[in-house]
Each structure stands twice: as C-alpha cells, then as structure tokens.
N, C-alpha and C. Protein backbone atom coordinates (compact mmCIF):
# COMPACT_ATOMS: atom_id res chain seq x y z
N MET A 1 0.78 -1.05 -0.30
CA MET A 1 0.06 -0.10 0.01
C MET A 1 1.14 1.19 0.05
N GLU A 2 0.57 2.25 -0.58
CA GLU A 2 1.79 3.43 -1.21
C GLU A 2 0.89 4.55 -0.07
N PRO A 3 1.72 4.97 0.48
CA PRO A 3 1.93 6.26 1.69
C PRO A 3 0.61 7.09 0.99
N ILE A 4 -0.31 7.45 2.37
CA ILE A 4 -1.32 8.85 1.98
C ILE A 4 -0.23 9.93 2.11
N THR A 5 -0.61 10.95 1.27
CA THR A 5 0.40 12.16 0.87
C THR A 5 -0.58 13.22 0.68
N PRO A 6 -0.30 14.59 1.08
CA PRO A 6 -1.53 15.35 0.42
C PRO A 6 -1.95 15.24 -0.60
N ARG A 7 -1.37 14.74 -1.83
CA ARG A 7 -1.46 14.61 -2.81
C ARG A 7 -2.63 13.57 -3.39
N THR A 8 -2.84 12.80 -2.58
CA THR A 8 -3.73 11.36 -2.27
C THR A 8 -5.64 11.95 -2.40
N ARG A 9 -6.07 11.73 -3.63
CA ARG A 9 -7.12 11.45 -3.47
C ARG A 9 -8.19 10.56 -3.37
N LEU A 10 -9.17 10.90 -2.53
CA LEU A 10 -10.31 9.74 -2.28
C LEU A 10 -11.44 9.84 -3.73
N GLN A 11 -11.79 8.03 -4.03
CA GLN A 11 -12.36 8.09 -4.35
C GLN A 11 -13.75 7.19 -3.78
N PRO A 12 -14.96 7.49 -3.71
CA PRO A 12 -15.76 7.02 -3.46
C PRO A 12 -16.46 5.27 -3.92
N VAL A 13 -16.44 4.34 -3.58
CA VAL A 13 -16.67 2.94 -4.15
C VAL A 13 -18.12 3.10 -4.47
N PRO A 14 -17.91 2.96 -6.05
CA PRO A 14 -19.22 2.87 -6.26
C PRO A 14 -20.57 2.72 -5.47
N ASP A 15 -20.36 1.09 -4.62
CA ASP A 15 -21.19 0.56 -4.40
C ASP A 15 -21.94 1.11 -2.73
N VAL A 16 -21.12 2.58 -2.73
CA VAL A 16 -21.53 3.50 -1.14
C VAL A 16 -22.72 4.12 -1.42
N LEU A 17 -23.55 4.19 -0.42
CA LEU A 17 -24.56 5.33 -0.92
C LEU A 17 -24.59 6.56 0.06
N PHE A 18 -24.86 7.11 -0.33
CA PHE A 18 -24.55 8.66 1.00
C PHE A 18 -25.54 9.54 1.32
N SER A 19 -25.89 9.55 2.09
CA SER A 19 -27.24 10.00 2.53
C SER A 19 -27.30 11.46 3.92
N ARG A 20 -27.22 12.46 3.42
CA ARG A 20 -27.47 13.55 4.37
C ARG A 20 -28.10 13.56 5.41
N VAL A 21 -28.26 14.19 6.30
CA VAL A 21 -28.67 14.14 7.77
C VAL A 21 -28.78 15.40 8.57
N GLY A 22 -28.79 15.89 8.39
CA GLY A 22 -28.39 17.33 8.99
C GLY A 22 -27.26 18.01 8.97
N ASP A 23 -26.14 18.04 9.97
CA ASP A 23 -25.11 18.62 9.72
C ASP A 23 -24.02 17.12 9.95
N GLU A 24 -25.01 16.21 9.48
CA GLU A 24 -23.87 14.28 9.48
C GLU A 24 -24.67 13.93 8.18
N ALA A 25 -23.92 12.43 7.98
CA ALA A 25 -24.48 11.84 6.72
C ALA A 25 -24.10 10.30 7.75
N VAL A 26 -24.90 9.88 6.59
CA VAL A 26 -25.23 7.84 7.05
C VAL A 26 -24.29 7.69 5.38
N LEU A 27 -23.35 6.38 5.71
CA LEU A 27 -23.10 6.15 4.91
C LEU A 27 -23.60 4.67 4.92
N LEU A 28 -23.97 4.32 3.24
CA LEU A 28 -24.48 2.32 3.59
C LEU A 28 -23.65 1.75 2.21
N ASN A 29 -22.83 0.60 2.78
CA ASN A 29 -21.99 0.22 2.17
C ASN A 29 -23.00 -1.17 1.14
N VAL A 30 -23.90 -1.27 0.17
CA VAL A 30 -25.02 -1.64 -0.30
C VAL A 30 -24.37 -3.48 -0.05
N LYS A 31 -22.81 -3.44 -0.50
CA LYS A 31 -22.67 -5.13 -0.80
C LYS A 31 -22.74 -5.86 0.53
N SER A 32 -21.85 -5.06 1.39
CA SER A 32 -21.92 -5.74 2.89
C SER A 32 -23.01 -5.63 4.20
N GLY A 33 -23.61 -4.47 3.73
CA GLY A 33 -25.19 -4.41 4.49
C GLY A 33 -24.89 -2.81 5.34
N MET A 34 -23.73 -2.52 5.78
CA MET A 34 -23.50 -2.33 7.14
C MET A 34 -22.99 -0.49 6.60
N TYR A 35 -23.85 0.03 7.36
CA TYR A 35 -23.83 1.41 8.20
C TYR A 35 -22.62 2.63 8.42
N TYR A 36 -22.26 3.27 8.15
CA TYR A 36 -21.08 3.95 8.76
C TYR A 36 -21.83 5.52 9.13
N ALA A 37 -21.29 6.24 10.17
CA ALA A 37 -21.83 7.92 10.30
C ALA A 37 -20.40 8.57 10.05
N LEU A 38 -21.46 9.85 9.45
CA LEU A 38 -19.87 10.92 9.24
C LEU A 38 -20.30 11.85 10.13
N ASP A 39 -19.63 12.72 10.97
CA ASP A 39 -19.80 13.92 11.39
C ASP A 39 -19.97 14.62 10.73
N GLN A 40 -19.83 16.22 11.48
CA GLN A 40 -19.92 17.79 10.35
C GLN A 40 -18.85 17.43 9.76
N ILE A 41 -17.68 16.86 9.73
CA ILE A 41 -16.16 17.19 9.19
C ILE A 41 -16.45 16.18 8.80
N GLY A 42 -16.42 14.82 8.91
CA GLY A 42 -16.72 13.65 7.58
C GLY A 42 -17.27 14.01 6.51
N VAL A 43 -18.60 14.82 7.15
CA VAL A 43 -19.47 15.11 5.78
C VAL A 43 -18.75 15.99 4.89
N LEU A 44 -17.83 17.23 5.29
CA LEU A 44 -17.20 17.92 4.50
C LEU A 44 -16.08 17.16 3.59
N VAL A 45 -15.48 16.02 4.19
CA VAL A 45 -14.31 15.62 3.68
C VAL A 45 -14.68 14.92 3.10
N TRP A 46 -16.00 13.68 2.73
CA TRP A 46 -16.73 13.50 1.91
C TRP A 46 -16.96 13.86 0.33
N THR A 47 -17.40 15.16 1.04
CA THR A 47 -18.12 16.12 -0.57
C THR A 47 -16.78 16.55 -0.76
N TRP A 48 -15.68 16.92 -0.32
CA TRP A 48 -14.57 17.39 -0.87
C TRP A 48 -14.12 16.72 -2.21
N SER A 49 -13.46 15.21 -0.89
CA SER A 49 -13.33 13.97 -1.86
C SER A 49 -14.23 13.94 -3.16
N VAL A 50 -15.83 13.63 -3.21
CA VAL A 50 -16.39 13.37 -4.36
C VAL A 50 -16.19 14.94 -5.67
N GLU A 51 -15.75 16.07 -4.84
CA GLU A 51 -15.39 16.84 -6.25
C GLU A 51 -14.17 17.18 -6.48
N GLY A 52 -13.50 16.17 -6.00
CA GLY A 52 -11.91 16.13 -6.84
C GLY A 52 -10.93 15.78 -5.87
N GLN A 53 -10.77 16.87 -4.56
CA GLN A 53 -10.00 17.18 -3.85
C GLN A 53 -9.10 16.50 -3.20
N ALA A 54 -7.48 16.34 -3.58
CA ALA A 54 -7.02 16.21 -2.68
C ALA A 54 -6.97 16.06 -1.46
N LEU A 55 -6.30 15.28 -0.62
CA LEU A 55 -6.19 15.31 0.82
C LEU A 55 -5.76 16.55 1.49
N GLY A 56 -4.63 17.27 0.61
CA GLY A 56 -3.75 18.87 1.07
C GLY A 56 -4.65 20.06 0.83
N GLU A 57 -5.68 19.51 0.19
CA GLU A 57 -6.85 20.90 -0.26
C GLU A 57 -7.66 20.30 0.95
N ILE A 58 -8.08 19.36 0.76
CA ILE A 58 -9.03 19.40 2.26
C ILE A 58 -8.62 19.89 3.40
N GLN A 59 -7.16 19.47 3.99
CA GLN A 59 -6.59 20.07 4.89
C GLN A 59 -6.85 21.40 5.24
N ALA A 60 -5.93 22.23 3.84
CA ALA A 60 -6.50 23.58 4.25
C ALA A 60 -7.80 23.76 4.34
N ALA A 61 -8.52 23.55 3.41
CA ALA A 61 -10.00 24.15 3.19
C ALA A 61 -10.47 23.77 5.28
N LEU A 62 -10.29 22.88 5.46
CA LEU A 62 -10.62 22.55 7.32
C LEU A 62 -10.10 23.69 7.53
N SER A 63 -8.67 23.66 7.83
CA SER A 63 -7.53 24.68 8.41
C SER A 63 -8.01 26.19 8.21
N GLN A 64 -8.92 26.55 7.39
CA GLN A 64 -9.42 27.50 7.30
C GLN A 64 -11.11 27.95 8.45
N GLN A 65 -11.44 26.64 8.19
CA GLN A 65 -13.00 26.22 9.10
C GLN A 65 -13.01 26.01 10.47
N PHE A 66 -11.88 25.51 10.67
CA PHE A 66 -12.16 24.95 12.14
C PHE A 66 -10.44 25.74 13.06
N VAL A 67 -10.77 26.04 14.19
CA VAL A 67 -9.07 26.25 14.81
C VAL A 67 -8.45 25.17 15.46
N VAL A 68 -7.36 24.71 14.39
CA VAL A 68 -6.34 23.87 14.95
C VAL A 68 -5.10 23.49 14.71
N GLU A 69 -4.18 23.07 15.15
CA GLU A 69 -3.09 22.91 14.25
C GLU A 69 -2.85 22.06 13.27
N LEU A 70 -2.40 22.31 12.50
CA LEU A 70 -2.21 21.83 10.94
C LEU A 70 -1.55 20.04 11.41
N ASP A 71 -0.55 19.89 11.68
CA ASP A 71 -0.76 18.49 11.99
C ASP A 71 -1.45 17.14 13.12
N VAL A 72 -1.84 18.26 13.87
CA VAL A 72 -3.32 17.76 14.70
C VAL A 72 -4.89 17.19 13.54
N LEU A 73 -4.63 18.14 12.72
CA LEU A 73 -5.67 18.12 11.44
C LEU A 73 -5.56 16.95 10.36
N TRP A 74 -3.69 17.23 10.47
CA TRP A 74 -3.40 16.25 9.04
C TRP A 74 -3.93 14.42 9.80
N ALA A 75 -3.49 14.56 11.23
CA ALA A 75 -3.70 13.34 12.37
C ALA A 75 -4.97 13.14 11.78
N ASP A 76 -5.73 13.96 12.28
CA ASP A 76 -7.31 13.45 12.08
C ASP A 76 -7.12 12.87 10.86
N LEU A 77 -7.31 13.73 9.94
CA LEU A 77 -7.75 13.16 8.49
C LEU A 77 -7.33 11.47 8.11
N LEU A 78 -5.65 11.51 8.81
CA LEU A 78 -6.06 10.13 8.17
C LEU A 78 -6.26 9.55 8.48
N ALA A 79 -6.59 9.63 9.88
CA ALA A 79 -7.03 8.35 10.85
C ALA A 79 -8.51 8.16 9.82
N LEU A 80 -9.25 9.19 9.62
CA LEU A 80 -10.90 8.71 9.25
C LEU A 80 -10.49 8.44 7.74
N VAL A 81 -9.66 8.85 6.68
CA VAL A 81 -9.09 8.41 5.51
C VAL A 81 -9.00 6.76 6.21
N ARG A 82 -8.06 6.50 7.00
CA ARG A 82 -7.83 4.48 6.86
C ARG A 82 -9.05 3.62 7.49
N VAL A 83 -9.60 4.95 8.62
CA VAL A 83 -11.12 4.02 8.92
C VAL A 83 -12.27 4.08 6.57
N LEU A 84 -11.76 4.95 6.42
CA LEU A 84 -12.91 5.07 4.96
C LEU A 84 -12.22 3.73 4.13
N GLY A 85 -11.15 3.80 4.27
CA GLY A 85 -10.56 2.95 3.51
C GLY A 85 -10.82 0.86 3.74
N GLU A 86 -10.13 0.74 5.39
CA GLU A 86 -10.33 0.03 5.69
C GLU A 86 -11.58 -0.92 5.41
N ASN A 87 -12.80 -0.12 5.86
CA ASN A 87 -13.94 -0.75 5.68
C ASN A 87 -14.88 -0.62 4.11
N GLY A 88 -13.72 -0.40 3.19
CA GLY A 88 -13.90 -0.65 1.62
C GLY A 88 -15.20 0.90 0.95
N LEU A 89 -14.90 1.72 2.09
CA LEU A 89 -15.96 3.35 1.23
C LEU A 89 -14.95 4.06 0.34
N VAL A 90 -14.10 4.05 0.06
CA VAL A 90 -12.98 4.30 -0.27
C VAL A 90 -11.62 3.82 -1.32
N THR A 91 -11.59 3.97 -2.38
CA THR A 91 -10.22 4.13 -3.10
C THR A 91 -9.39 5.04 -2.99
N MET A 92 -7.67 4.68 -2.74
CA MET A 92 -7.08 5.98 -3.34
C MET A 92 -6.51 6.29 -4.49
N SER A 93 -6.53 7.10 -4.74
CA SER A 93 -5.14 7.13 -6.49
C SER A 93 -3.90 8.27 -5.61
N HIS A 94 -2.87 8.15 -6.11
CA HIS A 94 -1.79 8.57 -5.40
C HIS A 94 -1.06 9.49 -6.44
N ALA A 95 -1.46 10.51 -7.20
CA ALA A 95 -0.38 11.45 -8.18
C ALA A 95 1.15 11.20 -7.69
N ARG A 96 1.68 11.31 -8.42
CA ARG A 96 3.33 11.57 -8.81
C ARG A 96 3.82 12.63 -9.15
N ASP A 97 4.84 12.91 -8.93
CA ASP A 97 5.12 14.42 -9.22
C ASP A 97 5.57 14.27 -10.77
N VAL A 98 5.46 15.13 -11.70
CA VAL A 98 6.00 15.33 -13.19
C VAL A 98 7.08 16.03 -13.01
N THR A 99 8.04 15.46 -13.40
CA THR A 99 9.38 16.40 -13.55
C THR A 99 9.66 16.65 -14.81
N ALA A 100 10.39 18.08 -15.56
CA ALA A 100 10.61 18.51 -17.05
C ALA A 100 11.58 17.34 -17.75
N SER A 101 12.09 16.00 -16.66
CA SER A 101 12.55 14.99 -17.53
C SER A 101 11.47 14.28 -17.75
N ALA A 102 10.22 14.30 -17.57
CA ALA A 102 9.89 13.21 -17.85
C ALA A 102 8.72 13.51 -18.80
N VAL A 103 8.76 15.49 -19.76
CA VAL A 103 7.59 15.70 -20.33
C VAL A 103 8.78 15.38 -21.97
N PRO A 104 8.35 14.56 -22.77
CA PRO A 104 8.76 14.60 -23.57
C PRO A 104 8.73 15.63 -24.97
N GLY A 105 10.53 15.50 -25.03
CA GLY A 105 11.02 16.49 -25.18
C GLY A 105 11.69 17.87 -24.59
N LYS A 106 11.51 17.42 -23.26
CA LYS A 106 12.93 17.82 -22.33
C LYS A 106 13.61 17.18 -22.44
C-alpha cells in the first residue's frame, strides 16, 4: 500500500450510498449491508473528495474553517481516511510528481 500524502485523492466506491441527515451523514455499503456515520467534518471530507480535491486541499480548507494545529488536523484526517479505506468505502489514488525530464521533448 502506498503512503497517504497531501496529493492523495479519495474516490468513493460505487456501492456506497451517501445520505445527509442535518450536519451529519450516513453511508451504506450496499455489498456488505453495513452503515457508517459521518460527523460534520466527515461530511466535508466526503463532499470535497467527491469533488476531486486532494487531501492537502481538504486539510487547507478545514484549517480555514476550524481552529486546529495543522499536524493535529493531518493526523485526524489520516485516521478518517484509513477507516474509510479499511471499511471499503473509498479507494485512493496517489498522484506522482511530473518532472521536466518526464515531459516528451525535454
């Protein structure tokens, strides 16, 4: 498994249904029949992930809305991402740096 970095993007699994309930949400994994709850911050992370934002972008957005140290925020974000991944609710893609030597003609 590749490390989770600020460039990692989450993709919700197609078999997961998302239903918002006030400031919170419920996720249903249709295959397993298991339900999961997301709090207000979890809803933001899920929503921004669906929109294609990388974890670093999500961390930056959360730091603008909540008073928290960046290292604490990153640790909490990683914990949520790991739980989502371990329960088969998301997959992760890991962006690679593109250097000038990798660009044709350079």
